[in-house]
């Protein structure tokens, strides 16, 4: 039974894959993961602390996965919302701390 559900980035989901049972899956995911589990969790916390109403959990997960470097890259991820210039700047500045 599922008690709660929230989106995870690939970095965060790696910790749920058991090494012995699913070594191939973990290895495959490792090819795409850009941040450590700890850094991914810290980045999520910092993005949530920005308290941007338009930024949902699913957006944050994709941001962690892709780590956009420009406004254009960020807008490709957030296709369903329109961010103000200062919101984009806050998000990109937060991401830069983890590169």
Foldseek 3Di string as FASTA:
>chain_A
DDPDDFDAALQQCLVVDDCVPCVVVSVVSVVQQDAHNVVLVVLLVQLVVVVDPLQGRVLSNVCNRPVDQDPVVSCVSVVPDDDDPVNSVSSNVSSVVGD
